[in-house]
C-alpha atoms as a PDB file:
ATOM      1  CA  MET A   1       0.000   0.000   0.000  1.00  0.00           C
ATOM      2  CA  LYS A   2       1.293   3.429  -0.893  1.00  0.00           C
ATOM      3  CA  PRO A   3       2.361   5.648   2.034  1.00  0.00           C
ATOM      4  CA  TYR A   4      -0.226   8.366   1.379  1.00  0.00           C
ATOM      5  CA  LEU A   5      -3.024   5.772   1.287  1.00  0.00           C
ATOM      6  CA  SER A   6      -1.872   4.425   4.660  1.00  0.00           C
ATOM      7  CA  ILE A   7      -1.900   7.919   6.117  1.00  0.00           C
ATOM      8  CA  LEU A   8      -5.380   8.558   4.689  1.00  0.00           C
ATOM      9  CA  LEU A   9      -6.675   5.281   6.123  1.00  0.00           C
ATOM     10  CA  LEU A  10      -5.172   6.118   9.533  1.00  0.00           C
ATOM     11  CA  ILE A  11      -6.872   9.522   9.504  1.00  0.00           C
ATOM     12  CA  VAL A  12     -10.251   7.973   8.625  1.00  0.00           C
ATOM     13  CA  LEU A  13      -9.954   5.323  11.333  1.00  0.00           C
ATOM     14  CA  SER A  14      -8.853   7.899  13.898  1.00  0.00           C
ATOM     15  CA  SER A  15     -11.781  10.200  13.090  1.00  0.00           C
ATOM     16  CA  GLN A  16     -14.205   7.293  13.380  1.00  0.00           C
ATOM     17  CA  ALA A  17     -12.726   6.308  16.732  1.00  0.00           C
ATOM     18  CA  LEU A  18     -12.978   9.903  17.991  1.00  0.00           C
ATOM     19  CA  ARG A  19     -16.571  10.150  16.769  1.00  0.00           C
ATOM     20  CA  MET A  20     -17.480   6.901  18.523  1.00  0.00           C
ATOM     21  CA  SER A  21     -15.750   8.074  21.720  1.00  0.00           C
ATOM     22  CA  ALA A  22     -17.585  11.404  21.577  1.00  0.00           C
ATOM     23  CA  GLN A  23     -20.912   9.641  21.025  1.00  0.00           C
ATOM     24  CA  SER A  24     -20.209   7.299  23.935  1.00  0.00           C
ATOM     25  CA  LEU A  25     -19.353  10.255  26.183  1.00  0.00           C
ATOM     26  CA  LEU A  26     -22.503  12.125  25.163  1.00  0.00           C
ATOM     27  CA  LEU A  27     -24.604   9.042  25.879  1.00  0.00           C
ATOM     28  CA  ARG A  28     -23.055   8.722  29.337  1.00  0.00           C
ATOM     29  CA  VAL A  29     -23.625  12.414  30.058  1.00  0.00           C
ATOM     30  CA  ASP A  30     -27.207  12.159  28.819  1.00  0.00           C
ATOM     31  CA  SER A  31     -27.795   9.077  30.985  1.00  0.00           C
ATOM     32  CA  PHE A  32     -26.382  10.873  34.050  1.00  0.00           C
ATOM     33  CA  LEU A  33     -28.519  13.980  33.415  1.00  0.00           C
ATOM     34  CA  THR A  34     -31.618  11.828  32.854  1.00  0.00           C
ATOM     35  CA  GLN A  35     -31.100   9.990  36.156  1.00  0.00           C
ATOM     36  CA  ARG A  36     -30.523  13.289  37.936  1.00  0.00           C
ATOM     37  CA  TYR A  37     -33.565  14.853  36.247  1.00  0.00           C
ATOM     38  CA  ASN A  38     -35.818  11.922  37.173  1.00  0.00           C
ATOM     39  CA  ARG A  39     -34.503  11.629  40.721  1.00  0.00           C
ATOM     40  CA  GLY A  40     -37.263  10.838  43.201  1.00  0.00           C
ATOM     41  CA  GLY A  41     -38.038  12.445  46.526  1.00  0.00           C
ATOM     42  CA  ILE A  42     -41.195  14.176  45.318  1.00  0.00           C
ATOM     43  CA  ASP A  43     -44.897  13.506  45.721  1.00  0.00           C
ATOM     44  CA  THR A  44     -45.990  13.169  42.086  1.00  0.00           C
ATOM     45  CA  ALA A  45     -49.588  13.898  43.049  1.00  0.00           C
ATOM     46  CA  TYR A  46     -48.370  17.481  43.686  1.00  0.00           C
ATOM     47  CA  ILE A  47     -45.323  18.107  41.468  1.00  0.00           C
ATOM     48  CA  VAL A  48     -43.862  16.350  38.411  1.00  0.00           C
ATOM     49  CA  ARG A  49     -41.096  16.850  35.907  1.00  0.00           C
ATOM     50  CA  PRO A  50     -42.122  17.879  32.354  1.00  0.00           C
ATOM     51  CA  ALA A  51     -42.300  14.961  29.933  1.00  0.00           C
ATOM     52  CA  THR A  52     -39.686  16.636  27.713  1.00  0.00           C
ATOM     53  CA  LYS A  53     -35.916  17.172  27.763  1.00  0.00           C
ATOM     54  CA  TRP A  54     -35.681  20.614  26.176  1.00  0.00           C
ATOM     55  CA  THR A  55     -37.247  23.959  27.076  1.00  0.00           C
ATOM     56  CA  VAL A  56     -36.854  27.111  24.963  1.00  0.00           C
ATOM     57  CA  ARG A  57     -37.941  30.306  26.698  1.00  0.00           C
ATOM     58  CA  ALA A  58     -38.060  33.960  25.570  1.00  0.00           C
ATOM     59  CA  ARG A  59     -38.216  36.675  28.235  1.00  0.00           C
ATOM     60  CA  LEU A  60     -38.796  40.398  28.476  1.00  0.00           C
ATOM     61  CA  ASN A  61     -37.114  41.718  31.649  1.00  0.00           C
ATOM     62  CA  GLU A  62     -37.821  45.056  33.341  1.00  0.00           C
ATOM     63  CA  SER A  63     -35.878  46.176  36.436  1.00  0.00           C
ATOM     64  CA  GLY A  64     -35.483  49.256  38.574  1.00  0.00           C
ATOM     65  CA  SER A  65     -34.153  50.524  41.891  1.00  0.00           C
ATOM     66  CA  MET A  66     -34.790  53.334  44.368  1.00  0.00           C
ATOM     67  CA  PHE A  67     -32.794  54.879  47.213  1.00  0.00           C
ATOM     68  CA  GLU A  68     -34.510  56.800  50.036  1.00  0.00           C
ATOM     69  CA  SER A  69     -33.030  58.595  53.045  1.00  0.00           C
ATOM     70  CA  GLU A  70     -34.691  60.400  55.931  1.00  0.00           C
ATOM     71  CA  GLY A  71     -33.456  61.913  59.175  1.00  0.00           C
ATOM     72  CA  LEU A  72     -32.529  65.008  61.152  1.00  0.00           C
ATOM     73  CA  ASP A  73     -29.878  67.618  60.306  1.00  0.00           C
ATOM     74  CA  ASN A  74     -29.270  70.061  63.184  1.00  0.00           C
ATOM     75  CA  GLY A  75     -32.815  69.434  64.380  1.00  0.00           C
ATOM     76  CA  ARG A  76     -34.393  69.935  60.948  1.00  0.00           C
ATOM     77  CA  HIS A  77     -36.161  67.039  59.253  1.00  0.00           C
ATOM     78  CA  PHE A  78     -34.993  66.104  55.760  1.00  0.00           C
ATOM     79  CA  LYS A  79     -35.964  63.503  53.197  1.00  0.00           C
ATOM     80  CA  SER A  80     -34.654  62.525  49.790  1.00  0.00           C
ATOM     81  CA  GLU A  81     -35.572  60.060  47.085  1.00  0.00           C
ATOM     82  CA  MET A  82     -33.511  58.902  44.104  1.00  0.00           C
ATOM     83  CA  GLU A  83     -34.659  56.524  41.372  1.00  0.00           C
ATOM     84  CA  ALA A  84     -32.510  54.891  38.706  1.00  0.00           C
ATOM     85  CA  ASN A  85     -33.481  54.651  35.071  1.00  0.00           C
ATOM     86  CA  ARG A  86     -35.346  51.445  34.406  1.00  0.00           C
ATOM     87  CA  LYS A  87     -33.612  48.720  32.444  1.00  0.00           C
ATOM     88  CA  THR A  88     -35.315  46.632  29.764  1.00  0.00           C
ATOM     89  CA  THR A  89     -33.712  43.546  28.263  1.00  0.00           C
ATOM     90  CA  ILE A  90     -34.776  40.779  25.908  1.00  0.00           C
ATOM     91  CA  SER A  91     -33.397  37.315  26.581  1.00  0.00           C
ATOM     92  CA  LEU A  92     -33.522  33.816  25.143  1.00  0.00           C
ATOM     93  CA  ALA A  93     -32.852  30.751  27.300  1.00  0.00           C
ATOM     94  CA  VAL A  94     -32.424  27.104  26.333  1.00  0.00           C
ATOM     95  CA  SER A  95     -32.692  24.421  29.034  1.00  0.00           C
ATOM     96  CA  TYR A  96     -31.745  20.757  28.828  1.00  0.00           C
ATOM     97  CA  MET A  97     -32.639  18.487  31.727  1.00  0.00           C
ATOM     98  CA  GLY A  98     -32.637  21.402  34.185  1.00  0.00           C
ATOM     99  CA  PHE A  99     -29.432  23.070  32.936  1.00  0.00           C
ATOM    100  CA  THR A 100     -29.948  26.458  31.296  1.00  0.00           C
ATOM    101  CA  LEU A 101     -27.929  28.663  28.959  1.00  0.00           C
ATOM    102  CA  SER A 102     -29.246  32.152  28.272  1.00  0.00           C
ATOM    103  CA  ALA A 103     -28.278  35.370  26.511  1.00  0.00           C
ATOM    104  CA  ALA A 104     -29.731  38.862  27.020  1.00  0.00           C
ATOM    105  CA  LEU A 105     -29.836  42.008  24.895  1.00  0.00           C
ATOM    106  CA  ASN A 106     -30.442  45.578  26.104  1.00  0.00           C
ATOM    107  CA  PRO A 107     -31.650  47.728  23.173  1.00  0.00           C
ATOM    108  CA  ALA A 108     -31.285  50.993  25.108  1.00  0.00           C
ATOM    109  CA  LYS A 109     -27.663  50.201  25.996  1.00  0.00           C
ATOM    110  CA  LEU A 110     -26.819  49.380  22.377  1.00  0.00           C
ATOM    111  CA  SER A 111     -28.255  52.735  21.276  1.00  0.00           C
ATOM    112  CA  GLY A 112     -26.325  54.612  23.989  1.00  0.00           C
ATOM    113  CA  LYS A 113     -29.416  55.630  25.993  1.00  0.00           C
ATOM    114  CA  TYR A 114     -28.553  53.474  29.005  1.00  0.00           C
ATOM    115  CA  SER A 115     -25.099  53.385  30.587  1.00  0.00           C
ATOM    116  CA  ASP A 116     -25.700  51.527  33.863  1.00  0.00           C
ATOM    117  CA  PHE A 117     -24.516  47.967  34.417  1.00  0.00           C
ATOM    118  CA  GLU A 118     -26.584  45.222  35.998  1.00  0.00           C
ATOM    119  CA  LEU A 119     -26.075  41.487  36.464  1.00  0.00           C
ATOM    120  CA  ASN A 120     -28.823  39.101  37.606  1.00  0.00           C
ATOM    121  CA  PHE A 121     -28.042  35.485  38.419  1.00  0.00           C
ATOM    122  CA  ASN A 122     -30.514  33.111  40.017  1.00  0.00           C
ATOM    123  CA  SER A 123     -30.935  29.431  40.700  1.00  0.00           C
ATOM    124  CA  TYR A 124     -34.204  27.864  41.843  1.00  0.00           C
ATOM    125  CA  GLY A 125     -33.763  24.303  43.018  1.00  0.00           C
ATOM    126  CA  ARG A 126     -36.287  22.032  44.644  1.00  0.00           C
ATOM    127  CA  ARG A 127     -34.739  22.446  48.113  1.00  0.00           C
ATOM    128  CA  PHE A 128     -32.306  25.358  47.751  1.00  0.00           C
ATOM    129  CA  GLY A 129     -32.338  28.531  45.707  1.00  0.00           C
ATOM    130  CA  PHE A 130     -30.737  31.962  45.538  1.00  0.00           C
ATOM    131  CA  ASP A 131     -30.640  35.319  43.731  1.00  0.00           C
ATOM    132  CA  VAL A 132     -27.518  37.395  43.112  1.00  0.00           C
ATOM    133  CA  ILE A 133     -28.062  40.935  41.807  1.00  0.00           C
ATOM    134  CA  TYR A 134     -25.235  43.395  41.142  1.00  0.00           C
ATOM    135  CA  GLN A 135     -25.896  46.928  39.948  1.00  0.00           C
ATOM    136  CA  ASP A 136     -23.566  49.798  39.089  1.00  0.00           C
ATOM    137  CA  ALA A 137     -25.894  52.725  38.391  1.00  0.00           C
ATOM    138  CA  LYS A 138     -25.314  56.444  37.942  1.00  0.00           C
ATOM    139  CA  ASN A 139     -28.431  57.408  35.988  1.00  0.00           C
ATOM    140  CA  PHE A 140     -30.415  58.512  39.048  1.00  0.00           C
ATOM    141  CA  THR A 141     -32.875  61.401  39.286  1.00  0.00           C
ATOM    142  CA  GLY A 142     -34.735  62.578  42.383  1.00  0.00           C
ATOM    143  CA  TRP A 143     -35.230  65.294  44.952  1.00  0.00           C
ATOM    144  CA  PHE A 144     -34.061  66.522  48.371  1.00  0.00           C
ATOM    145  CA  ASP A 145     -36.449  68.216  50.796  1.00  0.00           C
ATOM    146  CA  GLU A 146     -35.372  69.811  54.085  1.00  0.00           C
ATOM    147  CA  GLU A 147     -37.643  71.460  56.618  1.00  0.00           C
ATOM    148  CA  GLY A 148     -37.823  75.219  56.065  1.00  0.00           C
ATOM    149  CA  MET A 149     -36.162  75.049  52.646  1.00  0.00           C
ATOM    150  CA  GLU A 150     -37.378  74.748  49.073  1.00  0.00           C
ATOM    151  CA  ARG A 151     -37.291  71.299  47.535  1.00  0.00           C
ATOM    152  CA  ILE A 152     -34.195  70.693  45.423  1.00  0.00           C
ATOM    153  CA  GLU A 153     -34.455  68.630  42.244  1.00  0.00           C
ATOM    154  CA  LEU A 154     -31.447  66.362  41.798  1.00  0.00           C
ATOM    155  CA  PRO A 155     -30.532  65.856  38.134  1.00  0.00           C
ATOM    156  CA  ASP A 156     -29.246  62.768  36.411  1.00  0.00           C
ATOM    157  CA  GLY A 157     -25.591  61.899  37.061  1.00  0.00           C
ATOM    158  CA  MET A 158     -25.163  63.328  40.575  1.00  0.00           C
ATOM    159  CA  LEU A 159     -25.461  60.005  42.415  1.00  0.00           C
ATOM    160  CA  ARG A 160     -23.608  56.773  41.716  1.00  0.00           C
ATOM    161  CA  MET A 161     -24.559  53.548  43.450  1.00  0.00           C
ATOM    162  CA  LYS A 162     -22.918  50.137  43.474  1.00  0.00           C
ATOM    163  CA  THR A 163     -25.088  47.477  45.094  1.00  0.00           C
ATOM    164  CA  LEU A 164     -24.781  43.742  45.611  1.00  0.00           C
ATOM    165  CA  ASN A 165     -27.920  41.921  46.804  1.00  0.00           C
ATOM    166  CA  LEU A 166     -27.811  38.286  47.890  1.00  0.00           C
ATOM    167  CA  ASN A 167     -30.665  36.145  49.120  1.00  0.00           C
ATOM    168  CA  ALA A 168     -30.961  32.410  49.585  1.00  0.00           C
ATOM    169  CA  PHE A 169     -33.678  30.072  50.802  1.00  0.00           C
ATOM    170  CA  TYR A 170     -34.286  26.511  51.928  1.00  0.00           C
ATOM    171  CA  VAL A 171     -37.653  24.807  51.268  1.00  0.00           C
ATOM    172  CA  PHE A 172     -38.921  22.475  54.000  1.00  0.00           C
ATOM    173  CA  ASN A 173     -41.825  20.953  52.043  1.00  0.00           C
ATOM    174  CA  SER A 174     -39.859  20.233  48.878  1.00  0.00           C
ATOM    175  CA  ARG A 175     -41.794  17.032  48.208  1.00  0.00           C
ATOM    176  CA  ARG A 176     -44.988  18.960  47.419  1.00  0.00           C
ATOM    177  CA  PHE A 177     -44.050  22.615  46.910  1.00  0.00           C
ATOM    178  CA  SER A 178     -41.909  23.727  43.946  1.00  0.00           C
ATOM    179  CA  TYR A 179     -40.227  27.101  43.446  1.00  0.00           C
ATOM    180  CA  PRO A 180     -38.938  26.024  39.986  1.00  0.00           C
ATOM    181  CA  ALA A 181     -42.519  25.406  38.826  1.00  0.00           C
ATOM    182  CA  ALA A 182     -43.158  29.137  39.171  1.00  0.00           C
ATOM    183  CA  PHE A 183     -39.789  30.594  38.134  1.00  0.00           C
ATOM    184  CA  SER A 184     -37.906  28.222  35.820  1.00  0.00           C
ATOM    185  CA  GLN A 185     -40.708  25.849  34.750  1.00  0.00           C
ATOM    186  CA  SER A 186     -38.416  22.831  35.258  1.00  0.00           C
ATOM    187  CA  TYR A 187     -41.215  21.306  37.375  1.00  0.00           C
ATOM    188  CA  ILE A 188     -44.985  21.389  37.011  1.00  0.00           C
ATOM    189  CA  GLN A 189     -47.137  22.053  40.081  1.00  0.00           C
ATOM    190  CA  ARG A 190     -50.248  19.839  39.829  1.00  0.00           C
ATOM    191  CA  ARG A 191     -51.971  20.618  43.139  1.00  0.00           C
ATOM    192  CA  SER A 192     -51.866  23.563  45.533  1.00  0.00           C
ATOM    193  CA  ALA A 193     -49.205  23.390  48.247  1.00  0.00           C
ATOM    194  CA  GLY A 194     -47.158  25.665  50.482  1.00  0.00           C
ATOM    195  CA  SER A 195     -43.990  25.518  52.542  1.00  0.00           C
ATOM    196  CA  PHE A 196     -42.179  27.271  55.349  1.00  0.00           C
ATOM    197  CA  LEU A 197     -38.856  28.699  54.184  1.00  0.00           C
ATOM    198  CA  LEU A 198     -35.533  29.376  55.872  1.00  0.00           C
ATOM    199  CA  ALA A 199     -33.824  32.494  54.514  1.00  0.00           C
ATOM    200  CA  ALA A 200     -30.504  34.331  54.521  1.00  0.00           C
ATOM    201  CA  SER A 201     -29.854  37.759  52.973  1.00  0.00           C
ATOM    202  CA  GLY A 202     -26.992  40.131  52.426  1.00  0.00           C
ATOM    203  CA  MET A 203     -26.438  43.558  50.937  1.00  0.00           C
ATOM    204  CA  GLY A 204     -23.285  45.533  50.218  1.00  0.00           C
ATOM    205  CA  GLN A 205     -23.554  49.072  48.938  1.00  0.00           C
ATOM    206  CA  SER A 206     -21.361  52.025  48.043  1.00  0.00           C
ATOM    207  CA  ILE A 207     -22.963  55.401  47.271  1.00  0.00           C
ATOM    208  CA  THR A 208     -21.340  58.631  46.116  1.00  0.00           C
ATOM    209  CA  LEU A 209     -23.315  61.883  45.784  1.00  0.00           C
ATOM    210  CA  ASP A 210     -21.591  64.771  43.983  1.00  0.00           C
ATOM    211  CA  TRP A 211     -23.480  67.760  45.373  1.00  0.00           C
ATOM    212  CA  GLU A 212     -22.526  71.022  47.134  1.00  0.00           C
ATOM    213  CA  GLN A 213     -20.541  68.818  49.471  1.00  0.00           C
ATOM    214  CA  PRO A 214     -19.606  65.260  48.436  1.00  0.00           C
ATOM    215  CA  MET A 215     -21.410  62.491  50.296  1.00  0.00           C
ATOM    216  CA  LYS A 216     -20.144  58.930  50.600  1.00  0.00           C
ATOM    217  CA  LEU A 217     -21.988  56.013  52.146  1.00  0.00           C
ATOM    218  CA  LYS A 218     -20.812  52.416  52.528  1.00  0.00           C
ATOM    219  CA  MET A 219     -22.977  49.670  54.005  1.00  0.00           C
ATOM    220  CA  THR A 220     -22.666  45.959  54.661  1.00  0.00           C
ATOM    221  CA  ASN A 221     -25.659  44.070  56.064  1.00  0.00           C
ATOM    222  CA  LEU A 222     -26.313  40.387  56.755  1.00  0.00           C
ATOM    223  CA  GLY A 223     -29.620  38.925  57.874  1.00  0.00           C
ATOM    224  CA  ILE A 224     -31.303  35.627  58.684  1.00  0.00           C
ATOM    225  CA  GLY A 225     -34.987  34.819  58.944  1.00  0.00           C
ATOM    226  CA  ALA A 226     -37.862  32.670  57.767  1.00  0.00           C
ATOM    227  CA  GLY A 227     -40.884  33.004  55.558  1.00  0.00           C
ATOM    228  CA  TYR A 228     -43.581  31.178  53.670  1.00  0.00           C
ATOM    229  CA  GLY A 229     -44.346  30.402  50.039  1.00  0.00           C
ATOM    230  CA  TYR A 230     -47.515  29.102  48.427  1.00  0.00           C
ATOM    231  CA  ASN A 231     -48.320  27.702  44.974  1.00  0.00           C
ATOM    232  CA  TYR A 232     -52.018  27.925  44.187  1.00  0.00           C
ATOM    233  CA  VAL A 233     -53.314  25.729  41.356  1.00  0.00           C
ATOM    234  CA  PRO A 234     -56.944  26.749  40.669  1.00  0.00           C
ATOM    235  CA  SER A 235     -57.103  24.563  37.548  1.00  0.00           C
ATOM    236  CA  LYS A 236     -54.920  22.297  35.436  1.00  0.00           C
ATOM    237  CA  ARG A 237     -53.510  25.147  33.346  1.00  0.00           C
ATOM    238  CA  TRP A 238     -52.946  27.852  35.980  1.00  0.00           C
ATOM    239  CA  LEU A 239     -50.338  28.391  38.687  1.00  0.00           C
ATOM    240  CA  LEU A 240     -50.169  31.388  41.025  1.00  0.00           C
ATOM    241  CA  HIS A 241     -47.192  31.818  43.351  1.00  0.00           C
ATOM    242  CA  ILE A 242     -46.547  34.208  46.236  1.00  0.00           C
ATOM    243  CA  SER A 243     -43.821  34.156  48.896  1.00  0.00           C
ATOM    244  CA  ALA A 244     -42.253  36.485  51.443  1.00  0.00           C
ATOM    245  CA  LEU A 245     -38.859  36.068  53.113  1.00  0.00           C
ATOM    246  CA  PRO A 246     -38.228  38.639  55.862  1.00  0.00           C
ATOM    247  CA  THR A 247     -34.768  38.511  57.426  1.00  0.00           C
ATOM    248  CA  PHE A 248     -33.548  40.476  60.439  1.00  0.00           C
ATOM    249  CA  ILE A 249     -30.134  42.075  60.152  1.00  0.00           C
ATOM    250  CA  PHE A 250     -27.725  40.652  62.722  1.00  0.00           C
ATOM    251  CA  TYR A 251     -24.579  42.268  61.301  1.00  0.00           C
ATOM    252  CA  SER A 252     -24.412  45.855  60.090  1.00  0.00           C
ATOM    253  CA  HIS A 253     -21.380  47.983  59.300  1.00  0.00           C
ATOM    254  CA  THR A 254     -21.929  51.479  57.948  1.00  0.00           C
ATOM    255  CA  SER A 255     -19.751  54.498  57.335  1.00  0.00           C
ATOM    256  CA  MET A 256     -21.036  57.809  55.994  1.00  0.00           C
ATOM    257  CA  THR A 257     -19.337  61.145  55.383  1.00  0.00           C
ATOM    258  CA  PHE A 258     -20.862  64.419  54.221  1.00  0.00           C
ATOM    259  CA  GLY A 259     -18.171  66.903  53.304  1.00  0.00           C
ATOM    260  CA  ASN A 260     -15.694  66.643  56.171  1.00  0.00           C
ATOM    261  CA  ASP A 261     -18.292  65.434  58.677  1.00  0.00           C
ATOM    262  CA  ARG A 262     -18.872  61.816  59.607  1.00  0.00           C
ATOM    263  CA  ILE A 263     -22.534  60.978  60.225  1.00  0.00           C
ATOM    264  CA  PRO A 264     -23.218  57.975  62.487  1.00  0.00           C
ATOM    265  CA  LEU A 265     -25.790  55.422  61.359  1.00  0.00           C
ATOM    266  CA  ARG A 266     -26.550  53.493  64.511  1.00  0.00           C
ATOM    267  CA  TYR A 267     -28.251  50.122  64.564  1.00  0.00           C
ATOM    268  CA  HIS A 268     -31.971  50.357  65.265  1.00  0.00           C
ATOM    269  CA  PHE A 269     -34.086  47.231  65.765  1.00  0.00           C
ATOM    270  CA  PRO A 270     -35.748  46.014  63.690  1.00  0.00           C
ATOM    271  CA  GLU A 271     -33.552  46.463  60.633  1.00  0.00           C
ATOM    272  CA  VAL A 272     -34.680  44.157  57.866  1.00  0.00           C
ATOM    273  CA  ILE A 273     -34.011  42.789  54.411  1.00  0.00           C
ATOM    274  CA  ILE A 274     -37.231  41.523  52.832  1.00  0.00           C
ATOM    275  CA  THR A 275     -37.438  39.480  49.642  1.00  0.00           C
ATOM    276  CA  GLY A 276     -40.831  39.019  48.036  1.00  0.00           C
ATOM    277  CA  ARG A 277     -41.650  36.919  44.994  1.00  0.00           C
ATOM    278  CA  GLY A 278     -44.731  36.402  42.868  1.00  0.00           C
ATOM    279  CA  ALA A 279     -45.567  34.595  39.639  1.00  0.00           C
ATOM    280  CA  VAL A 280     -48.453  33.689  37.353  1.00  0.00           C
ATOM    281  CA  VAL A 281     -48.057  30.821  34.860  1.00  0.00           C
ATOM    282  CA  TYR A 282     -50.528  29.604  32.252  1.00  0.00           C
ATOM    283  CA  GLN A 283     -49.689  26.394  30.386  1.00  0.00           C
ATOM    284  CA  TRP A 284     -51.321  24.405  27.608  1.00  0.00           C
ATOM    285  CA  SER A 285     -50.106  21.532  25.457  1.00  0.00           C
ATOM    286  CA  ASN A 286     -46.276  21.901  25.411  1.00  0.00           C
ATOM    287  CA  LYS A 287     -46.324  25.702  25.843  1.00  0.00           C
ATOM    288  CA  PHE A 288     -46.458  28.124  28.763  1.00  0.00           C
ATOM    289  CA  LEU A 289     -46.838  31.867  29.258  1.00  0.00           C
ATOM    290  CA  GLY A 290     -46.440  33.945  32.388  1.00  0.00           C
ATOM    291  CA  MET A 291     -44.966  36.710  34.499  1.00  0.00           C
ATOM    292  CA  SER A 292     -42.737  36.654  37.592  1.00  0.00           C
ATOM    293  CA  MET A 293     -41.487  39.278  40.042  1.00  0.00           C
ATOM    294  CA  VAL A 294     -38.673  39.527  42.599  1.00  0.00           C
ATOM    295  CA  PHE A 295     -38.699  42.438  45.079  1.00  0.00           C
ATOM    296  CA  ASN A 296     -35.934  43.354  47.561  1.00  0.00           C
ATOM    297  CA  TYR A 297     -36.403  45.903  50.357  1.00  0.00           C
ATOM    298  CA  THR A 298     -33.725  46.925  52.866  1.00  0.00           C
ATOM    299  CA  ASN A 299     -34.236  49.246  55.832  1.00  0.00           C
ATOM    300  CA  VAL A 300     -31.409  50.397  58.149  1.00  0.00           C
ATOM    301  CA  GLY A 301     -31.033  53.215  60.693  1.00  0.00           C
ATOM    302  CA  ASN A 302     -33.826  55.306  62.221  1.00  0.00           C
ATOM    303  CA  LYS A 303     -35.537  58.584  61.371  1.00  0.00           C
ATOM    304  CA  ASN A 304     -34.338  60.329  64.545  1.00  0.00           C
ATOM    305  CA  ASN A 305     -30.821  60.222  63.130  1.00  0.00           C
ATOM    306  CA  LEU A 306     -30.607  58.802  59.609  1.00  0.00           C
ATOM    307  CA  ALA A 307     -32.648  56.036  57.987  1.00  0.00           C
ATOM    308  CA  VAL A 308     -31.839  54.530  54.610  1.00  0.00           C
ATOM    309  CA  ASN A 309     -34.196  52.431  52.481  1.00  0.00           C
ATOM    310  CA  ASN A 310     -33.254  50.499  49.352  1.00  0.00           C
ATOM    311  CA  ILE A 311     -35.747  49.052  46.888  1.00  0.00           C
ATOM    312  CA  LYS A 312     -34.777  46.758  44.001  1.00  0.00           C
ATOM    313  CA  TRP A 313     -37.234  44.968  41.723  1.00  0.00           C
ATOM    314  CA  LEU A 314     -37.235  42.757  38.655  1.00  0.00           C
ATOM    315  CA  VAL A 315     -40.267  41.763  36.553  1.00  0.00           C
ATOM    316  CA  ARG A 316     -40.104  39.117  33.827  1.00  0.00           C
ATOM    317  CA  THR A 317     -42.674  38.260  31.172  1.00  0.00           C
ATOM    318  CA  PHE A 318     -41.956  34.956  29.462  1.00  0.00           C
ATOM    319  CA  PHE A 319     -43.136  32.500  26.824  1.00  0.00           C
ATOM    320  CA  GLY A 320     -41.757  28.983  26.476  1.00  0.00           C
ATOM    321  CA  VAL A 321     -42.028  25.766  24.515  1.00  0.00           C
ATOM    322  CA  ARG A 322     -41.104  22.286  25.761  1.00  0.00           C
ATOM    323  CA  LEU A 323     -39.551  19.937  23.179  1.00  0.00           C
ATOM    324  CA  GLY A 324     -38.199  16.407  22.919  1.00  0.00           C
ATOM    325  CA  LYS A 325     -39.949  13.541  24.693  1.00  0.00           C
ATOM    326  CA  ARG A 326     -37.970  11.844  27.463  1.00  0.00           C
END
């Protein structure tokens, strides 16, 4: 046999061997994911896995945040409110056996009308789940009102805020109550059920206000608590979810300066971080349509000195199709 024919034959055999090895590996991975996906531990009269492997989901996401402060300055009451420009994104997600890959597009950012940065990452498991939200925003507008003075309008660009919100939960009744049924649609809730929830929350924040005198505020808060979630199934096609997770702050470290003055922000019970969630899902055949909401509220300090409130929210409208029989 000529040398070049031997080399060609070796290449063909090698490619076939690699293809067979790749197919074998994919089959093993698929088998592992299938076993994991079909793992028991649930009451199938209440929750079940979809009868498909793939889920394709399109989402329209709307988010916003607000910063409020209130207190006393030399005996005079003051209050301010700042709200960031809302962010709208369009995303497409593809899920296979509970694993999801998604991509998002912000039309306003592409056109130069939105310059803030925001990252949302969440995971909703049957027993455990969490949200991680990071925001670097400087497109805030608002007002400042002090007793005996005219209200001051605060224009865009004066305040910059960097915020990291973390919240996690543990579901006690995971056999019958499913968070994923409402938020990732990787389960289907067949009958109404609720569960007590264990919760942990955290928030880190850095704020800079470029005004007559520069103001800087840094906060770190950690909280633990408990709450309750409920999935209501009025009919075969509908699912309504609501849950609240209040946590009480047990660790708080704050530093604030206004000009050359340091303003104390003393701990005042109860200081809280509250996470609320809601969802509505309508499903028919292999399709589903719905809306979900996540709301974070943080309150620290007191109005006799200085109180700070943070509000962060995210609303998602989604449409999905389930494909590929298991």
